[in-house]
Amino acid sequence: MGSLANRLAGRFLVIDGPDGAGKSTQVAMLAGVLRAEGVAVRTVQDPGGTRIGGRIREILLDREHGEMGVECELMLYMASRAQLAHEVIRPALAAGQCVLGDRYISSTIAYQGAGGVEAEAVRQAGRIAVGETWPAMTLVLDLPSEEGLARAGKAAGHDRMEAKGIAFHRKVRERFLLQAQEDPGHYVVVDATGTPQDVHRRVRQAVEDWAISSA
């Protein structure tokens, strides 16, 4: 087992950021590289990742639910996350796997924060939902909001969250960057402009640097 595999065993990492930043693509690319280097990786999607979480995800992203209040959003996201932590993340970490997440509580702080919920209220709800199951490191993929929404629209059409206006998405970006500014020990901002391969090189370097510094 290589040194990177040793450093990442039993660690929980998250790739997060605004819509269109390429999170799912980067999770898949990073997981493939890490597995090739001997790291046992479990990838998870949030919201979702379990049978129960998948049902909750459908409700959250359905554009027919435009009347949903921000507090309802908060509780549904946390419910999905609670099941994910219980059913998947904690068992994988206990088995010595590196868990690589596509979004987590950082997303709720950004999105529901942009909707008016205080960051500390989200963190308190998160502590109830997942206990101590928080990522050791979160990579925030950052790019201008206009570019992200253009990418998201080309990829699959807008879901309920993506369909909110540009002013909302600019607030979301600001709140992601604020989290990284306030907690540099657990967040790394990665430039998400350019090709997926360009971003992947930055993501991989960020993970390798963090793994060495946190060993």
Protein backbone atom coordinates (compact mmCIF):
# COMPACT_ATOMS: atom_id res chain seq x y z
CA MET A 1 0.00 0.00 0.00
CA GLY A 2 1.49 3.33 -1.08
CA SER A 3 2.03 6.38 1.11
CA LEU A 4 -0.99 8.22 -0.32
CA ALA A 5 -3.18 5.20 0.38
CA ASN A 6 -1.93 5.16 3.96
CA ARG A 7 -2.62 8.86 4.42
CA LEU A 8 -6.14 8.71 2.99
CA ALA A 9 -7.30 5.48 4.63
CA GLY A 10 -10.32 6.19 6.83
CA ARG A 11 -10.52 9.85 5.78
CA PHE A 12 -13.61 11.68 4.57
CA LEU A 13 -13.11 14.22 1.77
CA VAL A 14 -15.75 16.30 0.00
CA ILE A 15 -15.77 18.07 -3.35
CA ASP A 16 -18.28 20.92 -3.29
CA GLY A 17 -19.07 24.20 -4.97
CA PRO A 18 -21.70 26.06 -6.99
CA ASP A 19 -23.85 24.58 -9.74
CA GLY A 20 -21.91 23.82 -12.88
CA ALA A 21 -18.51 23.69 -11.19
CA GLY A 22 -18.03 20.06 -12.24
CA LYS A 23 -18.22 18.34 -8.86
CA SER A 24 -19.52 14.98 -10.06
CA THR A 25 -16.97 14.87 -12.88
CA GLN A 26 -14.12 15.67 -10.51
CA VAL A 27 -15.28 13.13 -7.91
CA ALA A 28 -15.26 10.42 -10.58
CA MET A 29 -11.88 11.45 -11.98
CA LEU A 30 -10.24 11.71 -8.56
CA ALA A 31 -11.70 8.39 -7.42
CA GLY A 32 -10.28 6.67 -10.48
CA VAL A 33 -6.80 8.07 -9.93
CA LEU A 34 -6.80 7.26 -6.22
CA ARG A 35 -7.92 3.69 -6.84
CA ALA A 36 -5.11 3.29 -9.37
CA GLU A 37 -2.71 4.36 -6.62
CA GLY A 38 -4.02 1.77 -4.18
CA VAL A 39 -6.54 3.85 -2.24
CA ALA A 40 -9.77 2.08 -1.27
CA VAL A 41 -12.36 4.71 -2.24
CA ARG A 42 -16.09 4.89 -1.57
CA THR A 43 -17.90 7.68 -3.44
CA VAL A 44 -21.16 9.12 -2.13
CA GLN A 45 -23.72 11.59 -3.51
CA ASP A 46 -25.44 14.16 -1.30
CA PRO A 47 -28.40 14.47 -1.24
CA GLY A 48 -29.03 10.84 -2.04
CA GLY A 49 -26.65 7.93 -1.81
CA THR A 50 -29.19 5.66 -0.11
CA ARG A 51 -32.66 4.41 -0.99
CA ILE A 52 -34.25 6.86 1.45
CA GLY A 53 -31.92 9.68 0.45
CA GLY A 54 -32.74 9.14 -3.21
CA ARG A 55 -36.43 9.69 -2.54
CA ILE A 56 -35.64 12.87 -0.63
CA ARG A 57 -33.40 14.07 -3.49
CA GLU A 58 -36.29 13.73 -5.94
CA ILE A 59 -38.46 15.95 -3.75
CA LEU A 60 -35.73 18.57 -3.30
CA LEU A 61 -34.83 18.96 -6.96
CA ASP A 62 -38.32 18.70 -8.50
CA ARG A 63 -39.21 22.03 -10.13
CA GLU A 64 -42.88 21.42 -9.26
CA HIS A 65 -41.99 22.13 -5.61
CA GLY A 66 -41.26 25.80 -6.13
CA GLU A 67 -43.25 26.75 -3.03
CA MET A 68 -40.82 24.89 -0.74
CA GLY A 69 -39.57 27.10 2.10
CA VAL A 70 -35.88 27.37 2.91
CA GLU A 71 -36.40 25.80 6.34
CA CYS A 72 -38.07 22.79 4.71
CA GLU A 73 -35.11 22.52 2.33
CA LEU A 74 -32.73 22.58 5.27
CA MET A 75 -34.50 19.76 7.10
CA LEU A 76 -34.84 17.57 4.02
CA TYR A 77 -31.17 17.92 3.14
CA MET A 78 -30.22 17.03 6.70
CA ALA A 79 -32.56 14.03 6.74
CA SER A 80 -30.94 12.64 3.60
CA ARG A 81 -27.50 13.32 5.04
CA ALA A 82 -28.31 11.66 8.35
CA GLN A 83 -29.21 8.43 6.56
CA LEU A 84 -26.13 8.66 4.34
CA ALA A 85 -23.82 9.06 7.33
CA HIS A 86 -25.51 6.21 9.19
CA GLU A 87 -25.81 3.76 6.32
CA VAL A 88 -22.74 4.46 4.19
CA ILE A 89 -20.15 6.95 5.38
CA ARG A 90 -19.45 5.72 8.92
CA PRO A 91 -19.26 2.03 7.95
CA ALA A 92 -16.92 2.85 5.06
CA LEU A 93 -14.63 4.94 7.27
CA ALA A 94 -14.62 2.21 9.91
CA ALA A 95 -13.53 -0.24 7.20
CA GLY A 96 -10.54 1.98 6.38
CA GLN A 97 -11.90 3.34 3.11
CA CYS A 98 -11.43 6.89 1.88
CA VAL A 99 -14.91 8.36 1.47
CA LEU A 100 -15.16 10.90 -1.35
CA GLY A 101 -18.35 12.95 -1.22
CA ASP A 102 -20.15 14.92 -3.93
CA ARG A 103 -21.51 17.81 -1.76
CA TYR A 104 -22.16 17.82 2.00
CA ILE A 105 -23.09 20.28 4.76
CA SER A 106 -20.98 22.98 3.12
CA SER A 107 -23.60 23.07 0.34
CA THR A 108 -26.42 23.67 2.81
CA ILE A 109 -24.47 26.48 4.46
CA ALA A 110 -24.04 28.07 1.02
CA TYR A 111 -27.45 27.48 -0.58
CA GLN A 112 -29.80 27.77 2.36
CA GLY A 113 -27.54 30.52 3.67
CA ALA A 114 -28.18 32.40 0.43
CA GLY A 115 -31.86 31.90 1.21
CA GLY A 116 -31.52 33.53 4.61
CA VAL A 117 -30.58 30.78 7.10
CA GLU A 118 -27.65 31.64 9.38
CA ALA A 119 -24.57 29.46 8.93
CA GLU A 120 -24.45 28.51 12.61
CA ALA A 121 -28.07 27.32 12.50
CA VAL A 122 -27.12 25.02 9.62
CA ARG A 123 -24.12 23.73 11.54
CA GLN A 124 -26.30 23.02 14.59
CA ALA A 125 -28.75 21.06 12.45
CA GLY A 126 -25.79 19.25 10.91
CA ARG A 127 -24.49 18.20 14.30
CA ILE A 128 -27.86 16.63 15.06
CA ALA A 129 -28.01 14.93 11.66
CA VAL A 130 -24.51 13.49 11.37
CA GLY A 131 -22.94 13.80 14.82
CA GLU A 132 -19.16 13.82 14.40
CA THR A 133 -19.20 12.65 10.78
CA TRP A 134 -17.76 15.79 9.17
CA PRO A 135 -15.21 15.88 6.33
CA ALA A 136 -11.54 16.18 7.16
CA MET A 137 -11.18 18.37 4.08
CA THR A 138 -13.56 20.05 1.62
CA LEU A 139 -12.40 21.15 -1.82
CA VAL A 140 -14.50 24.07 -3.07
CA LEU A 141 -14.56 24.24 -6.87
CA ASP A 142 -14.88 27.92 -7.69
CA LEU A 143 -15.90 29.68 -10.90
CA PRO A 144 -18.04 32.70 -11.87
CA SER A 145 -21.74 32.12 -11.33
CA GLU A 146 -22.64 32.96 -14.93
CA GLU A 147 -20.25 30.33 -16.25
CA GLY A 148 -21.48 27.71 -13.79
CA LEU A 149 -25.13 28.19 -14.69
CA ALA A 150 -24.32 28.10 -18.40
CA ARG A 151 -22.53 24.78 -17.89
CA ALA A 152 -25.35 23.36 -15.77
CA GLY A 153 -27.96 24.34 -18.34
CA LYS A 154 -26.06 22.73 -21.19
CA ALA A 155 -25.51 19.54 -19.21
CA ALA A 156 -29.04 18.59 -18.23
CA GLY A 157 -31.41 21.53 -17.96
CA HIS A 158 -32.07 23.42 -14.75
CA ASP A 159 -33.36 21.61 -11.65
CA ARG A 160 -35.22 23.52 -8.94
CA MET A 161 -32.05 24.91 -7.32
CA GLU A 162 -30.31 25.75 -10.59
CA ALA A 163 -33.42 27.60 -11.80
CA LYS A 164 -33.06 30.31 -9.15
CA GLY A 165 -31.80 33.67 -10.41
CA ILE A 166 -28.22 34.81 -10.92
CA ALA A 167 -28.29 37.04 -7.82
CA PHE A 168 -29.05 33.98 -5.69
CA HIS A 169 -26.21 31.99 -7.23
CA ARG A 170 -23.75 34.82 -6.67
CA LYS A 171 -24.68 34.72 -2.97
CA VAL A 172 -24.11 30.96 -3.00
CA ARG A 173 -20.61 31.42 -4.43
CA GLU A 174 -19.82 34.07 -1.81
CA ARG A 175 -20.87 31.73 0.98
CA PHE A 176 -18.72 28.89 -0.29
CA LEU A 177 -15.70 31.18 -0.41
CA LEU A 178 -16.50 32.58 3.04
CA GLN A 179 -16.44 29.07 4.54
CA ALA A 180 -12.97 28.51 3.11
CA GLN A 181 -11.80 31.89 4.36
CA GLU A 182 -13.07 31.24 7.88
CA ASP A 183 -11.75 27.65 8.14
CA PRO A 184 -8.60 27.27 5.99
CA GLY A 185 -7.59 24.17 7.94
CA HIS A 186 -10.53 22.20 6.50
CA TYR A 187 -11.21 23.91 3.17
CA VAL A 188 -9.21 24.38 -0.04
CA VAL A 189 -10.47 26.52 -2.93
CA VAL A 190 -9.71 25.12 -6.38
CA ASP A 191 -10.04 27.11 -9.60
CA ALA A 192 -12.76 25.31 -11.60
CA THR A 193 -12.30 27.19 -14.87
CA GLY A 194 -10.82 25.47 -17.91
CA THR A 195 -11.21 21.89 -19.09
CA PRO A 196 -12.11 18.99 -16.78
CA GLN A 197 -8.51 17.80 -17.16
CA ASP A 198 -7.20 21.21 -16.07
CA VAL A 199 -9.40 21.17 -12.99
CA HIS A 200 -8.51 17.56 -12.23
CA ARG A 201 -4.81 18.40 -12.11
CA ARG A 202 -5.53 21.15 -9.59
CA VAL A 203 -7.79 18.90 -7.52
CA ARG A 204 -5.26 16.08 -7.44
CA GLN A 205 -2.47 18.44 -6.42
CA ALA A 206 -4.64 19.92 -3.67
CA VAL A 207 -5.44 16.47 -2.28
CA GLU A 208 -1.81 15.36 -2.39
CA ASP A 209 -0.66 18.56 -0.68
CA TRP A 210 -3.33 18.23 2.00
CA ALA A 211 -2.54 14.55 2.58
CA ILE A 212 1.12 15.36 3.18
CA SER A 213 0.43 18.34 5.44
CA SER A 214 -2.17 16.51 7.54
CA ALA A 215 -0.22 13.28 8.00
